[in-house]
Amino acid sequence: MRKSVALGLIVCAVAYSYWNYRTLPSESIPTSGGEVGHAEEISSQFDNLYSSVEEAYEKRLSDVQVIGVGRVVKLLPDDNKGSRHQKFILKLSSGITVLVAHNIDLAKRLNLLKVNDTLEFFGEYEWNDRGGVVHWTHHDPSARHIDGWLKHDGVVYK
């Protein structure tokens, strides 16, 4: 019984956080300015919704929303098997590297992305021993998943 009540409370908290996220005014999501730091400003609005990449990596978490900023250290060839994904590796200020797999069938490709560029992100994290993968960095046309995004040079890709 206690587990059912606890699970119910967790589901309610996640649903409430998700509803707040989905109903944020559009100006709450960074769309211009190009300044690093918007991710940190937004993060305070999602305290119960996401984990930092560092925390997710340390705790070996998967299927958690993450938000952050990193520097592009490597551009990888697109993955064209199934849904097409643009792939690149970001290095975070903590030193952790993370692979980003950005679905270019559902979102615009970051054509001007290059090594050493700074990128903000919001997506779903999957743990691995190399630092992890961030995906779902796009709008979900089925509205079954929280929309993610990438921000590069003041432009939001979702």
C-alpha atoms as a PDB file:
ATOM      1  CA  MET A   1       0.000   0.000   0.000  1.00  0.00           C
ATOM      2  CA  ARG A   2       2.778   2.450   0.939  1.00  0.00           C
ATOM      3  CA  LYS A   3       4.567   1.750  -2.334  1.00  0.00           C
ATOM      4  CA  SER A   4       1.365   2.486  -4.267  1.00  0.00           C
ATOM      5  CA  VAL A   5       0.885   5.800  -2.456  1.00  0.00           C
ATOM      6  CA  ALA A   6       4.541   6.757  -2.958  1.00  0.00           C
ATOM      7  CA  LEU A   7       4.381   5.827  -6.624  1.00  0.00           C
ATOM      8  CA  GLY A   8       1.166   7.829  -7.014  1.00  0.00           C
ATOM      9  CA  LEU A   9       2.791  10.899  -5.449  1.00  0.00           C
ATOM     10  CA  ILE A  10       5.822  10.581  -7.725  1.00  0.00           C
ATOM     11  CA  VAL A  11       3.603  10.266 -10.806  1.00  0.00           C
ATOM     12  CA  CYS A  12       1.631  13.341  -9.720  1.00  0.00           C
ATOM     13  CA  ALA A  13       4.820  15.358  -9.134  1.00  0.00           C
ATOM     14  CA  VAL A  14       6.223  14.424 -12.546  1.00  0.00           C
ATOM     15  CA  ALA A  15       2.887  15.156 -14.255  1.00  0.00           C
ATOM     16  CA  TYR A  16       2.659  18.534 -12.512  1.00  0.00           C
ATOM     17  CA  SER A  17       6.238  19.427 -13.509  1.00  0.00           C
ATOM     18  CA  TYR A  18       5.581  18.280 -17.053  1.00  0.00           C
ATOM     19  CA  TRP A  19       2.374  20.351 -17.241  1.00  0.00           C
ATOM     20  CA  ASN A  20       4.257  23.417 -15.963  1.00  0.00           C
ATOM     21  CA  TYR A  21       6.956  22.827 -18.560  1.00  0.00           C
ATOM     22  CA  ARG A  22       4.447  22.433 -21.432  1.00  0.00           C
ATOM     23  CA  THR A  23       2.598  25.613 -20.407  1.00  0.00           C
ATOM     24  CA  LEU A  24       5.594  27.894 -19.916  1.00  0.00           C
ATOM     25  CA  PRO A  25       5.276  31.069 -21.971  1.00  0.00           C
ATOM     26  CA  SER A  26       7.411  30.907 -25.105  1.00  0.00           C
ATOM     27  CA  GLU A  27       9.703  33.650 -23.813  1.00  0.00           C
ATOM     28  CA  SER A  28      10.782  31.284 -21.006  1.00  0.00           C
ATOM     29  CA  ILE A  29      12.563  29.075 -23.552  1.00  0.00           C
ATOM     30  CA  PRO A  30      15.681  30.786 -24.903  1.00  0.00           C
ATOM     31  CA  THR A  31      15.304  31.725 -28.548  1.00  0.00           C
ATOM     32  CA  SER A  32      17.730  34.570 -29.023  1.00  0.00           C
ATOM     33  CA  GLY A  33      20.679  36.342 -27.504  1.00  0.00           C
ATOM     34  CA  GLY A  34      23.336  33.669 -27.912  1.00  0.00           C
ATOM     35  CA  GLU A  35      24.507  34.086 -24.317  1.00  0.00           C
ATOM     36  CA  VAL A  36      25.585  31.019 -22.433  1.00  0.00           C
ATOM     37  CA  GLY A  37      23.681  30.689 -19.202  1.00  0.00           C
ATOM     38  CA  HIS A  38      20.069  30.459 -20.322  1.00  0.00           C
ATOM     39  CA  ALA A  39      20.148  26.746 -19.526  1.00  0.00           C
ATOM     40  CA  GLU A  40      21.063  27.528 -15.918  1.00  0.00           C
ATOM     41  CA  GLU A  41      18.269  30.125 -15.717  1.00  0.00           C
ATOM     42  CA  ILE A  42      15.739  27.625 -17.046  1.00  0.00           C
ATOM     43  CA  SER A  43      17.035  24.813 -14.853  1.00  0.00           C
ATOM     44  CA  SER A  44      15.582  26.399 -11.719  1.00  0.00           C
ATOM     45  CA  GLN A  45      12.105  25.997 -13.263  1.00  0.00           C
ATOM     46  CA  PHE A  46      12.603  22.242 -13.700  1.00  0.00           C
ATOM     47  CA  ASP A  47      14.027  21.156 -10.334  1.00  0.00           C
ATOM     48  CA  ASN A  48      11.813  18.079 -10.092  1.00  0.00           C
ATOM     49  CA  LEU A  49      11.805  17.295 -13.784  1.00  0.00           C
ATOM     50  CA  TYR A  50      15.419  16.692 -14.675  1.00  0.00           C
ATOM     51  CA  SER A  51      18.871  15.830 -13.500  1.00  0.00           C
ATOM     52  CA  SER A  52      22.206  17.371 -14.398  1.00  0.00           C
ATOM     53  CA  VAL A  53      24.338  15.285 -16.745  1.00  0.00           C
ATOM     54  CA  GLU A  54      26.926  15.035 -13.993  1.00  0.00           C
ATOM     55  CA  GLU A  55      24.394  13.668 -11.503  1.00  0.00           C
ATOM     56  CA  ALA A  56      22.881  11.304 -14.077  1.00  0.00           C
ATOM     57  CA  TYR A  57      26.337  10.014 -15.028  1.00  0.00           C
ATOM     58  CA  GLU A  58      27.448   9.561 -11.418  1.00  0.00           C
ATOM     59  CA  LYS A  59      24.235   7.732 -10.463  1.00  0.00           C
ATOM     60  CA  ARG A  60      24.131   5.760 -13.743  1.00  0.00           C
ATOM     61  CA  LEU A  61      20.663   7.087 -14.527  1.00  0.00           C
ATOM     62  CA  SER A  62      18.879   6.716 -17.854  1.00  0.00           C
ATOM     63  CA  ASP A  63      15.614   8.037 -19.239  1.00  0.00           C
ATOM     64  CA  VAL A  64      15.990  11.351 -17.378  1.00  0.00           C
ATOM     65  CA  GLN A  65      15.644  14.852 -18.767  1.00  0.00           C
ATOM     66  CA  VAL A  66      18.849  16.888 -18.615  1.00  0.00           C
ATOM     67  CA  ILE A  67      19.711  20.482 -19.381  1.00  0.00           C
ATOM     68  CA  GLY A  68      23.157  21.948 -19.791  1.00  0.00           C
ATOM     69  CA  VAL A  69      25.875  23.644 -21.787  1.00  0.00           C
ATOM     70  CA  GLY A  70      28.884  22.126 -23.503  1.00  0.00           C
ATOM     71  CA  ARG A  71      31.630  22.750 -26.030  1.00  0.00           C
ATOM     72  CA  VAL A  72      31.705  20.743 -29.247  1.00  0.00           C
ATOM     73  CA  VAL A  73      34.859  18.600 -29.259  1.00  0.00           C
ATOM     74  CA  LYS A  74      34.053  16.303 -32.189  1.00  0.00           C
ATOM     75  CA  LEU A  75      31.646  16.207 -35.117  1.00  0.00           C
ATOM     76  CA  LEU A  76      30.653  12.683 -36.133  1.00  0.00           C
ATOM     77  CA  PRO A  77      29.105  11.369 -39.347  1.00  0.00           C
ATOM     78  CA  ASP A  78      25.321  11.361 -39.437  1.00  0.00           C
ATOM     79  CA  ASP A  79      23.594   8.135 -38.476  1.00  0.00           C
ATOM     80  CA  ASN A  80      21.342   7.375 -41.446  1.00  0.00           C
ATOM     81  CA  LYS A  81      20.006   4.010 -40.258  1.00  0.00           C
ATOM     82  CA  GLY A  82      16.319   4.341 -39.367  1.00  0.00           C
ATOM     83  CA  SER A  83      15.585   7.870 -38.189  1.00  0.00           C
ATOM     84  CA  ARG A  84      18.447  10.113 -39.265  1.00  0.00           C
ATOM     85  CA  HIS A  85      20.518  11.694 -36.485  1.00  0.00           C
ATOM     86  CA  GLN A  86      23.189  14.376 -36.502  1.00  0.00           C
ATOM     87  CA  LYS A  87      25.845  13.285 -34.004  1.00  0.00           C
ATOM     88  CA  PHE A  88      28.541  15.174 -32.136  1.00  0.00           C
ATOM     89  CA  ILE A  89      30.353  15.068 -28.805  1.00  0.00           C
ATOM     90  CA  LEU A  90      30.133  17.829 -26.214  1.00  0.00           C
ATOM     91  CA  LYS A  91      32.526  18.390 -23.341  1.00  0.00           C
ATOM     92  CA  LEU A  92      30.908  19.870 -20.252  1.00  0.00           C
ATOM     93  CA  SER A  93      32.632  22.184 -17.771  1.00  0.00           C
ATOM     94  CA  SER A  94      32.928  19.219 -15.384  1.00  0.00           C
ATOM     95  CA  GLY A  95      35.069  17.398 -17.963  1.00  0.00           C
ATOM     96  CA  ILE A  96      32.403  14.808 -18.803  1.00  0.00           C
ATOM     97  CA  THR A  97      31.850  14.205 -22.488  1.00  0.00           C
ATOM     98  CA  VAL A  98      28.434  13.322 -23.849  1.00  0.00           C
ATOM     99  CA  LEU A  99      27.277  12.165 -27.267  1.00  0.00           C
ATOM    100  CA  VAL A 100      24.382  14.161 -28.697  1.00  0.00           C
ATOM    101  CA  ALA A 101      22.126  12.348 -31.186  1.00  0.00           C
ATOM    102  CA  HIS A 102      19.856  15.006 -32.732  1.00  0.00           C
ATOM    103  CA  ASN A 103      16.998  13.632 -34.860  1.00  0.00           C
ATOM    104  CA  ILE A 104      17.182  15.481 -38.195  1.00  0.00           C
ATOM    105  CA  ASP A 105      14.040  13.830 -39.511  1.00  0.00           C
ATOM    106  CA  LEU A 106      12.061  15.759 -36.863  1.00  0.00           C
ATOM    107  CA  ALA A 107      14.191  18.878 -36.323  1.00  0.00           C
ATOM    108  CA  LYS A 108      16.448  21.127 -38.361  1.00  0.00           C
ATOM    109  CA  ARG A 109      20.086  20.157 -38.736  1.00  0.00           C
ATOM    110  CA  LEU A 110      22.698  22.420 -37.153  1.00  0.00           C
ATOM    111  CA  ASN A 111      24.512  23.102 -40.426  1.00  0.00           C
ATOM    112  CA  LEU A 112      26.874  25.745 -39.027  1.00  0.00           C
ATOM    113  CA  LEU A 113      28.000  23.695 -36.013  1.00  0.00           C
ATOM    114  CA  LYS A 114      31.761  23.363 -35.685  1.00  0.00           C
ATOM    115  CA  VAL A 115      34.359  22.171 -33.193  1.00  0.00           C
ATOM    116  CA  ASN A 116      34.792  24.546 -30.213  1.00  0.00           C
ATOM    117  CA  ASP A 117      31.278  25.997 -30.557  1.00  0.00           C
ATOM    118  CA  THR A 118      29.223  26.316 -27.378  1.00  0.00           C
ATOM    119  CA  LEU A 119      25.841  24.611 -27.345  1.00  0.00           C
ATOM    120  CA  GLU A 120      22.980  24.568 -24.851  1.00  0.00           C
ATOM    121  CA  PHE A 121      20.758  21.500 -24.713  1.00  0.00           C
ATOM    122  CA  PHE A 122      17.628  20.012 -23.182  1.00  0.00           C
ATOM    123  CA  GLY A 123      16.946  16.350 -23.869  1.00  0.00           C
ATOM    124  CA  GLU A 124      16.781  12.827 -22.515  1.00  0.00           C
ATOM    125  CA  TYR A 125      19.937  11.266 -21.076  1.00  0.00           C
ATOM    126  CA  GLU A 126      20.981   7.611 -21.377  1.00  0.00           C
ATOM    127  CA  TRP A 127      23.923   6.493 -19.237  1.00  0.00           C
ATOM    128  CA  ASN A 128      26.996   4.727 -20.575  1.00  0.00           C
ATOM    129  CA  ASP A 129      30.565   4.471 -19.277  1.00  0.00           C
ATOM    130  CA  ARG A 130      31.806   6.996 -21.873  1.00  0.00           C
ATOM    131  CA  GLY A 131      29.690   9.848 -20.487  1.00  0.00           C
ATOM    132  CA  GLY A 132      26.288   9.045 -21.895  1.00  0.00           C
ATOM    133  CA  VAL A 133      24.027  10.054 -24.744  1.00  0.00           C
ATOM    134  CA  VAL A 134      21.579  12.941 -24.984  1.00  0.00           C
ATOM    135  CA  HIS A 135      18.719  12.455 -27.438  1.00  0.00           C
ATOM    136  CA  TRP A 136      15.097  13.676 -27.771  1.00  0.00           C
ATOM    137  CA  THR A 137      16.526  17.135 -28.522  1.00  0.00           C
ATOM    138  CA  HIS A 138      13.508  17.917 -30.681  1.00  0.00           C
ATOM    139  CA  HIS A 139       9.759  18.436 -30.646  1.00  0.00           C
ATOM    140  CA  ASP A 140       7.684  15.277 -30.318  1.00  0.00           C
ATOM    141  CA  PRO A 141       4.961  15.433 -32.985  1.00  0.00           C
ATOM    142  CA  SER A 142       3.001  12.757 -31.070  1.00  0.00           C
ATOM    143  CA  ALA A 143       3.074  14.823 -27.852  1.00  0.00           C
ATOM    144  CA  ARG A 144       4.009  11.700 -25.847  1.00  0.00           C
ATOM    145  CA  HIS A 145       7.446  12.940 -24.757  1.00  0.00           C
ATOM    146  CA  ILE A 146       8.744  16.198 -23.366  1.00  0.00           C
ATOM    147  CA  ASP A 147      10.025  18.396 -26.187  1.00  0.00           C
ATOM    148  CA  GLY A 148      13.769  18.908 -26.205  1.00  0.00           C
ATOM    149  CA  TRP A 149      15.921  21.484 -27.945  1.00  0.00           C
ATOM    150  CA  LEU A 150      19.435  22.588 -28.863  1.00  0.00           C
ATOM    151  CA  LYS A 151      20.563  26.215 -28.875  1.00  0.00           C
ATOM    152  CA  HIS A 152      23.476  27.322 -31.058  1.00  0.00           C
ATOM    153  CA  ASP A 153      24.454  30.916 -31.825  1.00  0.00           C
ATOM    154  CA  GLY A 154      21.138  32.232 -30.510  1.00  0.00           C
ATOM    155  CA  VAL A 155      19.024  29.870 -32.622  1.00  0.00           C
ATOM    156  CA  VAL A 156      16.878  27.168 -31.011  1.00  0.00           C
ATOM    157  CA  TYR A 157      16.525  23.890 -32.900  1.00  0.00           C
ATOM    158  CA  LYS A 158      13.552  21.790 -31.858  1.00  0.00           C
END
